[in-house]
Amino acid sequence: DSVKGRFTISRDNAKNSVYLHMNSLKPEDTAVYYCNARVRTRSVPPGR
């Protein structure tokens, strides 16, 4: 709720990338930002 209307998340599957466009930034937005992804690899069972 704190970022609705100001931030926009998007992704480019061809590049395996995700983006965060941040507008109208406030001092309260100060933080370390971490990217997260749920990936499928050879060692991960199907559906996991």
All heavy atoms as atom14 arrays in JSON, in Angstrom:
{
  "sequence": "DSVKGRFTISRDNAKNSVYLHMNSLKPEDTAVYYCNARVRTRSVPPGR",
  "atom14_mask": [
    [1, 1, 1, 1, 1, 1, 1, 1, 0, 0, 0, 0, 0, 0],
    [1, 1, 1, 1, 1, 1, 0, 0, 0, 0, 0, 0, 0, 0],
    [1, 1, 1, 1, 1, 1, 1, 0, 0, 0, 0, 0, 0, 0],
    [1, 1, 1, 1, 1, 1, 1, 1, 1, 0, 0, 0, 0, 0],
    [1, 1, 1, 1, 0, 0, 0, 0, 0, 0, 0, 0, 0, 0],
    [1, 1, 1, 1, 1, 1, 1, 1, 1, 1, 1, 0, 0, 0],
    [1, 1, 1, 1, 1, 1, 1, 1, 1, 1, 1, 0, 0, 0],
    [1, 1, 1, 1, 1, 1, 1, 0, 0, 0, 0, 0, 0, 0],
    [1, 1, 1, 1, 1, 1, 1, 1, 0, 0, 0, 0, 0, 0],
    [1, 1, 1, 1, 1, 1, 0, 0, 0, 0, 0, 0, 0, 0],
    [1, 1, 1, 1, 1, 1, 1, 1, 1, 1, 1, 0, 0, 0],
    [1, 1, 1, 1, 1, 1, 1, 1, 0, 0, 0, 0, 0, 0],
    [1, 1, 1, 1, 1, 1, 1, 1, 0, 0, 0, 0, 0, 0],
    [1, 1, 1, 1, 1, 0, 0, 0, 0, 0, 0, 0, 0, 0],
    [1, 1, 1, 1, 1, 1, 1, 1, 1, 0, 0, 0, 0, 0],
    [1, 1, 1, 1, 1, 1, 1, 1, 0, 0, 0, 0, 0, 0],
    [1, 1, 1, 1, 1, 1, 0, 0, 0, 0, 0, 0, 0, 0],
    [1, 1, 1, 1, 1, 1, 1, 0, 0, 0, 0, 0, 0, 0],
    [1, 1, 1, 1, 1, 1, 1, 1, 1, 1, 1, 1, 0, 0],
    [1, 1, 1, 1, 1, 1, 1, 1, 0, 0, 0, 0, 0, 0],
    [1, 1, 1, 1, 1, 1, 1, 1, 1, 1, 0, 0, 0, 0],
    [1, 1, 1, 1, 1, 1, 1, 1, 0, 0, 0, 0, 0, 0],
    [1, 1, 1, 1, 1, 1, 1, 1, 0, 0, 0, 0, 0, 0],
    [1, 1, 1, 1, 1, 1, 0, 0, 0, 0, 0, 0, 0, 0],
    [1, 1, 1, 1, 1, 1, 1, 1, 0, 0, 0, 0, 0, 0],
    [1, 1, 1, 1, 1, 1, 1, 1, 1, 0, 0, 0, 0, 0],
    [1, 1, 1, 1, 1, 1, 1, 0, 0, 0, 0, 0, 0, 0],
    [1, 1, 1, 1, 1, 1, 1, 1, 1, 0, 0, 0, 0, 0],
    [1, 1, 1, 1, 1, 1, 1, 1, 0, 0, 0, 0, 0, 0],
    [1, 1, 1, 1, 1, 1, 1, 0, 0, 0, 0, 0, 0, 0],
    [1, 1, 1, 1, 1, 0, 0, 0, 0, 0, 0, 0, 0, 0],
    [1, 1, 1, 1, 1, 1, 1, 0, 0, 0, 0, 0, 0, 0],
    [1, 1, 1, 1, 1, 1, 1, 1, 1, 1, 1, 1, 0, 0],
    [1, 1, 1, 1, 1, 1, 1, 1, 1, 1, 1, 1, 0, 0],
    [1, 1, 1, 1, 1, 1, 0, 0, 0, 0, 0, 0, 0, 0],
    [1, 1, 1, 1, 1, 1, 1, 1, 0, 0, 0, 0, 0, 0],
    [1, 1, 1, 1, 1, 0, 0, 0, 0, 0, 0, 0, 0, 0],
    [1, 1, 1, 1, 1, 1, 1, 1, 1, 1, 1, 0, 0, 0],
    [1, 1, 1, 1, 1, 1, 1, 0, 0, 0, 0, 0, 0, 0],
    [1, 1, 1, 1, 1, 1, 1, 1, 1, 1, 1, 0, 0, 0],
    [1, 1, 1, 1, 1, 1, 1, 0, 0, 0, 0, 0, 0, 0],
    [1, 1, 1, 1, 1, 1, 1, 1, 1, 1, 1, 0, 0, 0],
    [1, 1, 1, 1, 1, 1, 0, 0, 0, 0, 0, 0, 0, 0],
    [1, 1, 1, 1, 1, 1, 1, 0, 0, 0, 0, 0, 0, 0],
    [1, 1, 1, 1, 1, 1, 1, 0, 0, 0, 0, 0, 0, 0],
    [1, 1, 1, 1, 1, 1, 1, 0, 0, 0, 0, 0, 0, 0],
    [1, 1, 1, 1, 0, 0, 0, 0, 0, 0, 0, 0, 0, 0],
    [1, 1, 1, 1, 1, 1, 1, 1, 1, 1, 1, 0, 0, 0]
  ],
  "atom14_positions": [
    [[0.81, -1.21, 0.0], [0.0, 0.0, 0.0], [0.85, 1.27, 0.0], [0.47, 2.28, -0.59], [-0.93, 0.01, 1.21], [-2.05, -1.0, 1.1], [-2.35, -1.45, -0.02], [-2.64, -1.34, 2.14], [0.0, 0.0, 0.0], [0.0, 0.0, 0.0], [0.0, 0.0, 0.0], [0.0, 0.0, 0.0], [0.0, 0.0, 0.0], [0.0, 0.0, 0.0]],
    [[1.99, 1.21, 0.64], [2.84, 2.38, 0.76], [3.46, 2.84, -0.55], [3.93, 3.98, -0.65], [3.96, 2.12, 1.78], [4.76, 1.02, 1.38], [0.0, 0.0, 0.0], [0.0, 0.0, 0.0], [0.0, 0.0, 0.0], [0.0, 0.0, 0.0], [0.0, 0.0, 0.0], [0.0, 0.0, 0.0], [0.0, 0.0, 0.0], [0.0, 0.0, 0.0]],
    [[3.47, 1.98, -1.56], [4.1, 2.35, -2.83], [3.13, 2.36, -4.0], [3.52, 2.73, -5.12], [5.28, 1.42, -3.17], [6.28, 1.37, -2.02], [4.79, 0.01, -3.51], [0.0, 0.0, 0.0], [0.0, 0.0, 0.0], [0.0, 0.0, 0.0], [0.0, 0.0, 0.0], [0.0, 0.0, 0.0], [0.0, 0.0, 0.0], [0.0, 0.0, 0.0]],
    [[1.9, 2.0, -3.78], [0.91, 1.99, -4.85], [0.77, 3.38, -5.47], [0.68, 4.38, -4.78], [-0.45, 1.53, -4.33], [-0.56, 0.04, -4.11], [-1.96, -0.35, -3.68], [-2.08, -1.86, -3.52], [-3.43, -2.26, -3.05], [0.0, 0.0, 0.0], [0.0, 0.0, 0.0], [0.0, 0.0, 0.0], [0.0, 0.0, 0.0], [0.0, 0.0, 0.0]],
    [[0.76, 3.41, -6.79], [0.64, 4.66, -7.5], [1.95, 5.35, -7.74], [2.01, 6.31, -8.52], [0.0, 0.0, 0.0], [0.0, 0.0, 0.0], [0.0, 0.0, 0.0], [0.0, 0.0, 0.0], [0.0, 0.0, 0.0], [0.0, 0.0, 0.0], [0.0, 0.0, 0.0], [0.0, 0.0, 0.0], [0.0, 0.0, 0.0], [0.0, 0.0, 0.0]],
    [[3.01, 4.89, -7.09], [4.32, 5.5, -7.24], [5.35, 4.56, -7.88], [6.21, 5.01, -8.63], [4.85, 5.98, -5.89], [3.97, 7.03, -5.22], [4.65, 7.61, -3.98], [4.91, 6.6, -2.97], [6.12, 6.28, -2.52], [7.19, 6.9, -2.99], [6.28, 5.35, -1.57], [0.0, 0.0, 0.0], [0.0, 0.0, 0.0], [0.0, 0.0, 0.0]],
    [[5.26, 3.28, -7.55], [6.21, 2.3, -8.06], [5.55, 1.41, -9.11], [4.35, 1.14, -9.03], [6.73, 1.4, -6.93], [7.62, 2.09, -5.93], [7.77, 3.46, -5.92], [8.31, 1.33, -4.99], [8.6, 4.09, -4.99], [9.13, 1.94, -4.06], [9.27, 3.32, -4.06], [0.0, 0.0, 0.0], [0.0, 0.0, 0.0], [0.0, 0.0, 0.0]],
    [[6.34, 0.94, -10.04], [5.86, 0.02, -11.06], [6.86, -1.12, -11.23], [8.04, -0.87, -11.46], [5.66, 0.72, -12.41], [4.72, 1.79, -12.27], [5.12, -0.28, -13.44], [0.0, 0.0, 0.0], [0.0, 0.0, 0.0], [0.0, 0.0, 0.0], [0.0, 0.0, 0.0], [0.0, 0.0, 0.0], [0.0, 0.0, 0.0], [0.0, 0.0, 0.0]],
    [[6.38, -2.34, -11.1], [7.24, -3.5, -11.31], [6.96, -4.08, -12.7], [5.82, -4.1, -13.16], [7.01, -4.57, -10.22], [8.04, -5.69, -10.35], [5.59, -5.12, -10.26], [8.02, -6.68, -9.18], [0.0, 0.0, 0.0], [0.0, 0.0, 0.0], [0.0, 0.0, 0.0], [0.0, 0.0, 0.0], [0.0, 0.0, 0.0], [0.0, 0.0, 0.0]],
    [[8.0, -4.53, -13.36], [7.86, -5.13, -14.68], [8.94, -6.19, -14.86], [9.88, -6.27, -14.06], [7.97, -4.06, -15.78], [9.24, -3.43, -15.76], [0.0, 0.0, 0.0], [0.0, 0.0, 0.0], [0.0, 0.0, 0.0], [0.0, 0.0, 0.0], [0.0, 0.0, 0.0], [0.0, 0.0, 0.0], [0.0, 0.0, 0.0], [0.0, 0.0, 0.0]],
    [[8.79, -7.01, -15.88], [9.79, -8.05, -16.12], [9.99, -8.27, -17.61], [9.11, -7.98, -18.42], [9.39, -9.36, -15.44], [8.11, -10.0, -15.98], [7.64, -11.14, -15.08], [8.52, -12.3, -15.14], [8.46, -13.34, -14.31], [7.56, -13.34, -13.32], [9.29, -14.36, -14.45], [0.0, 0.0, 0.0], [0.0, 0.0, 0.0], [0.0, 0.0, 0.0]],
    [[11.15, -8.78, -17.94], [11.49, -9.13, -19.3], [11.95, -10.58, -19.25], [13.09, -10.86, -18.86], [12.59, -8.22, -19.84], [12.88, -8.47, -21.31], [12.63, -9.58, -21.8], [13.37, -7.53, -21.98], [0.0, 0.0, 0.0], [0.0, 0.0, 0.0], [0.0, 0.0, 0.0], [0.0, 0.0, 0.0], [0.0, 0.0, 0.0], [0.0, 0.0, 0.0]],
    [[11.08, -11.49, -19.61], [11.39, -12.91, -19.5], [12.54, -13.34, -20.4], [13.28, -14.26, -20.08], [10.14, -13.74, -19.8], [9.07, -13.57, -18.75], [9.36, -13.37, -17.57], [7.81, -13.67, -19.16], [0.0, 0.0, 0.0], [0.0, 0.0, 0.0], [0.0, 0.0, 0.0], [0.0, 0.0, 0.0], [0.0, 0.0, 0.0], [0.0, 0.0, 0.0]],
    [[12.68, -12.68, -21.54], [13.77, -13.02, -22.45], [15.12, -12.7, -21.85], [16.13, -13.32, -22.2], [13.6, -12.29, -23.78], [0.0, 0.0, 0.0], [0.0, 0.0, 0.0], [0.0, 0.0, 0.0], [0.0, 0.0, 0.0], [0.0, 0.0, 0.0], [0.0, 0.0, 0.0], [0.0, 0.0, 0.0], [0.0, 0.0, 0.0], [0.0, 0.0, 0.0]],
    [[15.15, -11.73, -20.94], [16.4, -11.32, -20.3], [16.52, -11.84, -18.87], [17.5, -11.54, -18.2], [16.51, -9.8, -20.29], [16.59, -9.17, -21.66], [16.71, -7.66, -21.56], [16.83, -7.01, -22.93], [16.94, -5.53, -22.84], [0.0, 0.0, 0.0], [0.0, 0.0, 0.0], [0.0, 0.0, 0.0], [0.0, 0.0, 0.0], [0.0, 0.0, 0.0]],
    [[15.52, -12.6, -18.42], [15.5, -13.08, -17.04], [15.66, -11.93, -16.05], [16.39, -12.03, -15.07], [16.59, -14.13, -16.8], [16.29, -15.45, -17.46], [15.14, -15.78, -17.73], [17.33, -16.23, -17.72], [0.0, 0.0, 0.0], [0.0, 0.0, 0.0], [0.0, 0.0, 0.0], [0.0, 0.0, 0.0], [0.0, 0.0, 0.0], [0.0, 0.0, 0.0]],
    [[14.98, -10.84, -16.34], [15.13, -9.64, -15.55], [13.81, -9.12, -15.0], [12.74, -9.35, -15.57], [15.79, -8.53, -16.38], [17.09, -8.9, -16.79], [0.0, 0.0, 0.0], [0.0, 0.0, 0.0], [0.0, 0.0, 0.0], [0.0, 0.0, 0.0], [0.0, 0.0, 0.0], [0.0, 0.0, 0.0], [0.0, 0.0, 0.0], [0.0, 0.0, 0.0]],
    [[13.92, -8.41, -13.9], [12.78, -7.74, -13.3], [13.23, -6.33, -12.94], [14.39, -6.11, -12.58], [12.26, -8.49, -12.06], [13.31, -8.54, -10.95], [10.97, -7.86, -11.54], [0.0, 0.0, 0.0], [0.0, 0.0, 0.0], [0.0, 0.0, 0.0], [0.0, 0.0, 0.0], [0.0, 0.0, 0.0], [0.0, 0.0, 0.0], [0.0, 0.0, 0.0]],
    [[12.3, -5.38, -13.05], [12.63, -3.98, -12.83], [11.67, -3.35, -11.84], [10.54, -3.79, -11.68], [12.57, -3.21, -14.15], [13.34, -3.85, -15.26], [12.7, -4.73, -16.15], [14.7, -3.61, -15.43], [13.4, -5.33, -17.18], [15.41, -4.21, -16.45], [14.76, -5.07, -17.33], [15.46, -5.67, -18.34], [0.0, 0.0, 0.0], [0.0, 0.0, 0.0]],
    [[12.12, -2.3, -11.21], [11.28, -1.52, -10.31], [11.49, -0.05, -10.63], [12.56, 0.49, -10.37], [11.62, -1.8, -8.84], [10.68, -1.14, -7.82], [9.29, -1.77, -7.9], [11.24, -1.28, -6.41], [0.0, 0.0, 0.0], [0.0, 0.0, 0.0], [0.0, 0.0, 0.0], [0.0, 0.0, 0.0], [0.0, 0.0, 0.0], [0.0, 0.0, 0.0]],
    [[10.46, 0.56, -11.19], [10.49, 1.99, -11.48], [9.88, 2.72, -10.31], [8.71, 2.51, -9.98], [9.72, 2.29, -12.77], [10.3, 1.65, -13.98], [11.14, 2.33, -14.85], [10.17, 0.4, -14.48], [11.5, 1.52, -15.83], [10.93, 0.34, -15.62], [0.0, 0.0, 0.0], [0.0, 0.0, 0.0], [0.0, 0.0, 0.0], [0.0, 0.0, 0.0]],
    [[10.65, 3.59, -9.69], [10.22, 4.29, -8.5], [10.1, 5.78, -8.79], [11.07, 6.41, -9.21], [11.2, 4.05, -7.36], [11.43, 2.57, -7.05], [12.54, 2.32, -5.63], [14.08, 2.91, -6.34], [0.0, 0.0, 0.0], [0.0, 0.0, 0.0], [0.0, 0.0, 0.0], [0.0, 0.0, 0.0], [0.0, 0.0, 0.0], [0.0, 0.0, 0.0]],
    [[8.92, 6.31, -8.57], [8.65, 7.73, -8.78], [8.19, 8.37, -7.49], [7.77, 7.7, -6.55], [7.58, 7.91, -9.86], [7.97, 7.34, -11.2], [9.05, 7.61, -11.7], [7.06, 6.55, -11.79], [0.0, 0.0, 0.0], [0.0, 0.0, 0.0], [0.0, 0.0, 0.0], [0.0, 0.0, 0.0], [0.0, 0.0, 0.0], [0.0, 0.0, 0.0]],
    [[8.25, 9.69, -7.46], [7.8, 10.46, -6.29], [8.38, 9.88, -5.0], [7.67, 9.66, -4.02], [6.27, 10.47, -6.23], [5.72, 11.03, -7.4], [0.0, 0.0, 0.0], [0.0, 0.0, 0.0], [0.0, 0.0, 0.0], [0.0, 0.0, 0.0], [0.0, 0.0, 0.0], [0.0, 0.0, 0.0], [0.0, 0.0, 0.0], [0.0, 0.0, 0.0]],
    [[9.66, 9.66, -5.01], [10.32, 9.03, -3.88], [10.25, 9.88, -2.62], [10.32, 11.1, -2.67], [11.77, 8.71, -4.22], [11.95, 7.49, -5.13], [13.32, 7.5, -5.79], [11.75, 6.21, -4.32], [0.0, 0.0, 0.0], [0.0, 0.0, 0.0], [0.0, 0.0, 0.0], [0.0, 0.0, 0.0], [0.0, 0.0, 0.0], [0.0, 0.0, 0.0]],
    [[10.1, 9.19, -1.5], [10.01, 9.82, -0.2], [11.16, 9.34, 0.68], [11.71, 8.26, 0.46], [8.68, 9.45, 0.47], [7.44, 9.77, -0.35], [6.2, 9.25, 0.35], [4.95, 9.54, -0.46], [3.73, 9.03, 0.22], [0.0, 0.0, 0.0], [0.0, 0.0, 0.0], [0.0, 0.0, 0.0], [0.0, 0.0, 0.0], [0.0, 0.0, 0.0]],
    [[11.51, 10.11, 1.7], [12.56, 9.66, 2.62], [12.25, 8.3, 3.23], [13.17, 7.52, 3.51], [12.57, 10.76, 3.69], [12.15, 11.98, 2.95], [11.08, 11.49, 2.0], [0.0, 0.0, 0.0], [0.0, 0.0, 0.0], [0.0, 0.0, 0.0], [0.0, 0.0, 0.0], [0.0, 0.0, 0.0], [0.0, 0.0, 0.0], [0.0, 0.0, 0.0]],
    [[10.97, 8.0, 3.41], [10.56, 6.72, 3.97], [10.87, 5.54, 3.06], [10.82, 4.39, 3.49], [9.05, 6.72, 4.27], [8.6, 7.86, 5.17], [8.18, 9.07, 4.36], [6.98, 9.17, 4.0], [9.05, 9.93, 4.1], [0.0, 0.0, 0.0], [0.0, 0.0, 0.0], [0.0, 0.0, 0.0], [0.0, 0.0, 0.0], [0.0, 0.0, 0.0]],
    [[11.2, 5.81, 1.81], [11.56, 4.76, 0.87], [13.02, 4.33, 1.01], [13.44, 3.36, 0.37], [11.31, 5.21, -0.57], [9.85, 5.46, -0.87], [9.01, 4.65, -0.44], [9.55, 6.47, -1.54], [0.0, 0.0, 0.0], [0.0, 0.0, 0.0], [0.0, 0.0, 0.0], [0.0, 0.0, 0.0], [0.0, 0.0, 0.0], [0.0, 0.0, 0.0]],
    [[13.77, 5.05, 1.8], [15.18, 4.73, 2.01], [15.32, 3.33, 2.6], [14.76, 3.03, 3.65], [15.85, 5.75, 2.93], [15.84, 7.04, 2.31], [17.29, 5.35, 3.22], [0.0, 0.0, 0.0], [0.0, 0.0, 0.0], [0.0, 0.0, 0.0], [0.0, 0.0, 0.0], [0.0, 0.0, 0.0], [0.0, 0.0, 0.0], [0.0, 0.0, 0.0]],
    [[16.07, 2.49, 1.91], [16.25, 1.11, 2.35], [17.19, 0.38, 1.4], [17.53, 0.89, 0.33], [14.9, 0.38, 2.39], [0.0, 0.0, 0.0], [0.0, 0.0, 0.0], [0.0, 0.0, 0.0], [0.0, 0.0, 0.0], [0.0, 0.0, 0.0], [0.0, 0.0, 0.0], [0.0, 0.0, 0.0], [0.0, 0.0, 0.0], [0.0, 0.0, 0.0]],
    [[17.59, -0.81, 1.8], [18.27, -1.71, 0.89], [17.2, -2.51, 0.19], [16.36, -3.13, 0.84], [19.25, -2.64, 1.63], [19.87, -3.63, 0.65], [20.34, -1.83, 2.32], [0.0, 0.0, 0.0], [0.0, 0.0, 0.0], [0.0, 0.0, 0.0], [0.0, 0.0, 0.0], [0.0, 0.0, 0.0], [0.0, 0.0, 0.0], [0.0, 0.0, 0.0]],
    [[17.22, -2.49, -1.12], [16.22, -3.18, -1.91], [16.79, -4.5, -2.43], [17.88, -4.54, -3.01], [15.77, -2.31, -3.08], [14.84, -1.2, -2.66], [15.31, -0.13, -1.91], [13.48, -1.23, -3.0], [14.45, 0.88, -1.5], [12.63, -0.22, -2.6], [13.12, 0.83, -1.84], [12.25, 1.83, -1.45], [0.0, 0.0, 0.0], [0.0, 0.0, 0.0]],
    [[16.03, -5.57, -2.24], [16.46, -6.9, -2.62], [15.55, -7.49, -3.69], [14.33, -7.42, -3.59], [16.45, -7.85, -1.42], [17.41, -7.46, -0.31], [17.0, -6.63, 0.72], [18.71, -7.95, -0.3], [17.87, -6.28, 1.74], [19.58, -7.61, 0.71], [19.16, -6.77, 1.73], [20.03, -6.44, 2.74], [0.0, 0.0, 0.0], [0.0, 0.0, 0.0]],
    [[16.16, -8.09, -4.67], [15.43, -8.8, -5.7], [15.19, -10.24, -5.25], [16.04, -10.84, -4.59], [16.23, -8.77, -7.0], [15.51, -9.69, -8.37], [0.0, 0.0, 0.0], [0.0, 0.0, 0.0], [0.0, 0.0, 0.0], [0.0, 0.0, 0.0], [0.0, 0.0, 0.0], [0.0, 0.0, 0.0], [0.0, 0.0, 0.0], [0.0, 0.0, 0.0]],
    [[14.05, -10.78, -5.6], [13.7, -12.15, -5.24], [13.1, -12.86, -6.45], [12.35, -12.25, -7.22], [12.71, -12.15, -4.08], [12.17, -13.53, -3.77], [11.12, -13.93, -4.29], [12.88, -14.27, -2.93], [0.0, 0.0, 0.0], [0.0, 0.0, 0.0], [0.0, 0.0, 0.0], [0.0, 0.0, 0.0], [0.0, 0.0, 0.0], [0.0, 0.0, 0.0]],
    [[13.42, -14.13, -6.58], [12.85, -14.9, -7.67], [12.7, -16.36, -7.27], [13.51, -16.88, -6.5], [13.72, -14.8, -8.92], [0.0, 0.0, 0.0], [0.0, 0.0, 0.0], [0.0, 0.0, 0.0], [0.0, 0.0, 0.0], [0.0, 0.0, 0.0], [0.0, 0.0, 0.0], [0.0, 0.0, 0.0], [0.0, 0.0, 0.0], [0.0, 0.0, 0.0]],
    [[11.67, -16.99, -7.77], [11.46, -18.42, -7.58], [11.81, -19.09, -8.91], [11.13, -18.89, -9.9], [10.03, -18.7, -7.17], [9.67, -18.1, -5.81], [8.26, -18.43, -5.39], [7.96, -17.84, -4.09], [8.26, -18.39, -2.93], [8.86, -19.57, -2.88], [7.96, -17.78, -1.79], [0.0, 0.0, 0.0], [0.0, 0.0, 0.0], [0.0, 0.0, 0.0]],
    [[12.9, -19.86, -8.87], [13.43, -20.44, -10.11], [13.35, -21.95, -10.1], [13.35, -22.6, -9.05], [14.89, -20.0, -10.35], [14.99, -18.48, -10.35], [15.82, -20.58, -9.3], [0.0, 0.0, 0.0], [0.0, 0.0, 0.0], [0.0, 0.0, 0.0], [0.0, 0.0, 0.0], [0.0, 0.0, 0.0], [0.0, 0.0, 0.0], [0.0, 0.0, 0.0]],
    [[13.27, -22.51, -11.29], [13.27, -23.95, -11.48], [14.61, -24.37, -12.04], [15.08, -23.84, -13.05], [12.12, -24.34, -12.41], [11.98, -25.82, -12.64], [10.62, -26.14, -13.27], [10.39, -25.42, -14.51], [10.8, -25.84, -15.71], [11.47, -26.98, -15.82], [10.54, -25.11, -16.78], [0.0, 0.0, 0.0], [0.0, 0.0, 0.0], [0.0, 0.0, 0.0]],
    [[15.25, -25.33, -11.38], [16.53, -25.86, -11.83], [16.45, -27.37, -11.92], [15.44, -27.98, -11.56], [17.66, -25.46, -10.88], [17.51, -26.16, -9.63], [17.66, -23.97, -10.62], [0.0, 0.0, 0.0], [0.0, 0.0, 0.0], [0.0, 0.0, 0.0], [0.0, 0.0, 0.0], [0.0, 0.0, 0.0], [0.0, 0.0, 0.0], [0.0, 0.0, 0.0]],
    [[17.53, -27.99, -12.36], [17.57, -29.45, -12.5], [17.38, -30.15, -11.16], [16.82, -31.25, -11.12], [18.89, -29.86, -13.14], [19.05, -31.36, -13.3], [20.19, -31.71, -14.24], [21.42, -31.04, -13.89], [21.98, -30.12, -14.66], [21.43, -29.79, -15.83], [23.11, -29.54, -14.28], [0.0, 0.0, 0.0], [0.0, 0.0, 0.0], [0.0, 0.0, 0.0]],
    [[17.82, -29.54, -10.1], [17.75, -30.16, -8.79], [16.41, -29.96, -8.08], [16.19, -30.51, -7.0], [18.87, -29.63, -7.89], [18.71, -28.24, -7.66], [0.0, 0.0, 0.0], [0.0, 0.0, 0.0], [0.0, 0.0, 0.0], [0.0, 0.0, 0.0], [0.0, 0.0, 0.0], [0.0, 0.0, 0.0], [0.0, 0.0, 0.0], [0.0, 0.0, 0.0]],
    [[15.53, -29.19, -8.68], [14.24, -28.9, -8.07], [13.16, -29.83, -8.64], [13.02, -29.92, -9.85], [13.83, -27.43, -8.3], [12.48, -27.15, -7.67], [14.88, -26.49, -7.72], [0.0, 0.0, 0.0], [0.0, 0.0, 0.0], [0.0, 0.0, 0.0], [0.0, 0.0, 0.0], [0.0, 0.0, 0.0], [0.0, 0.0, 0.0], [0.0, 0.0, 0.0]],
    [[12.41, -30.52, -7.78], [11.34, -31.41, -8.25], [10.29, -30.65, -9.04], [10.1, -29.45, -8.85], [10.75, -31.98, -6.95], [11.84, -31.83, -5.94], [12.53, -30.55, -6.32], [0.0, 0.0, 0.0], [0.0, 0.0, 0.0], [0.0, 0.0, 0.0], [0.0, 0.0, 0.0], [0.0, 0.0, 0.0], [0.0, 0.0, 0.0], [0.0, 0.0, 0.0]],
    [[9.61, -31.34, -9.95], [8.54, -30.69, -10.72], [7.51, -30.05, -9.82], [7.11, -30.6, -8.81], [7.95, -31.86, -11.52], [9.07, -32.83, -11.68], [9.81, -32.78, -10.37], [0.0, 0.0, 0.0], [0.0, 0.0, 0.0], [0.0, 0.0, 0.0], [0.0, 0.0, 0.0], [0.0, 0.0, 0.0], [0.0, 0.0, 0.0], [0.0, 0.0, 0.0]],
    [[7.11, -28.85, -10.18], [6.13, -28.13, -9.4], [6.69, -27.38, -8.22], [5.94, -26.71, -7.5], [0.0, 0.0, 0.0], [0.0, 0.0, 0.0], [0.0, 0.0, 0.0], [0.0, 0.0, 0.0], [0.0, 0.0, 0.0], [0.0, 0.0, 0.0], [0.0, 0.0, 0.0], [0.0, 0.0, 0.0], [0.0, 0.0, 0.0], [0.0, 0.0, 0.0]],
    [[7.98, -27.48, -8.02], [8.65, -26.79, -6.92], [9.62, -25.76, -7.47], [10.11, -25.88, -8.59], [9.4, -27.78, -6.02], [8.56, -28.9, -5.45], [7.57, -28.39, -4.42], [7.05, -29.48, -3.61], [6.06, -30.28, -3.98], [5.46, -30.11, -5.16], [5.66, -31.24, -3.18], [0.0, 0.0, 0.0], [0.0, 0.0, 0.0], [0.0, 0.0, 0.0]]
  ]
}
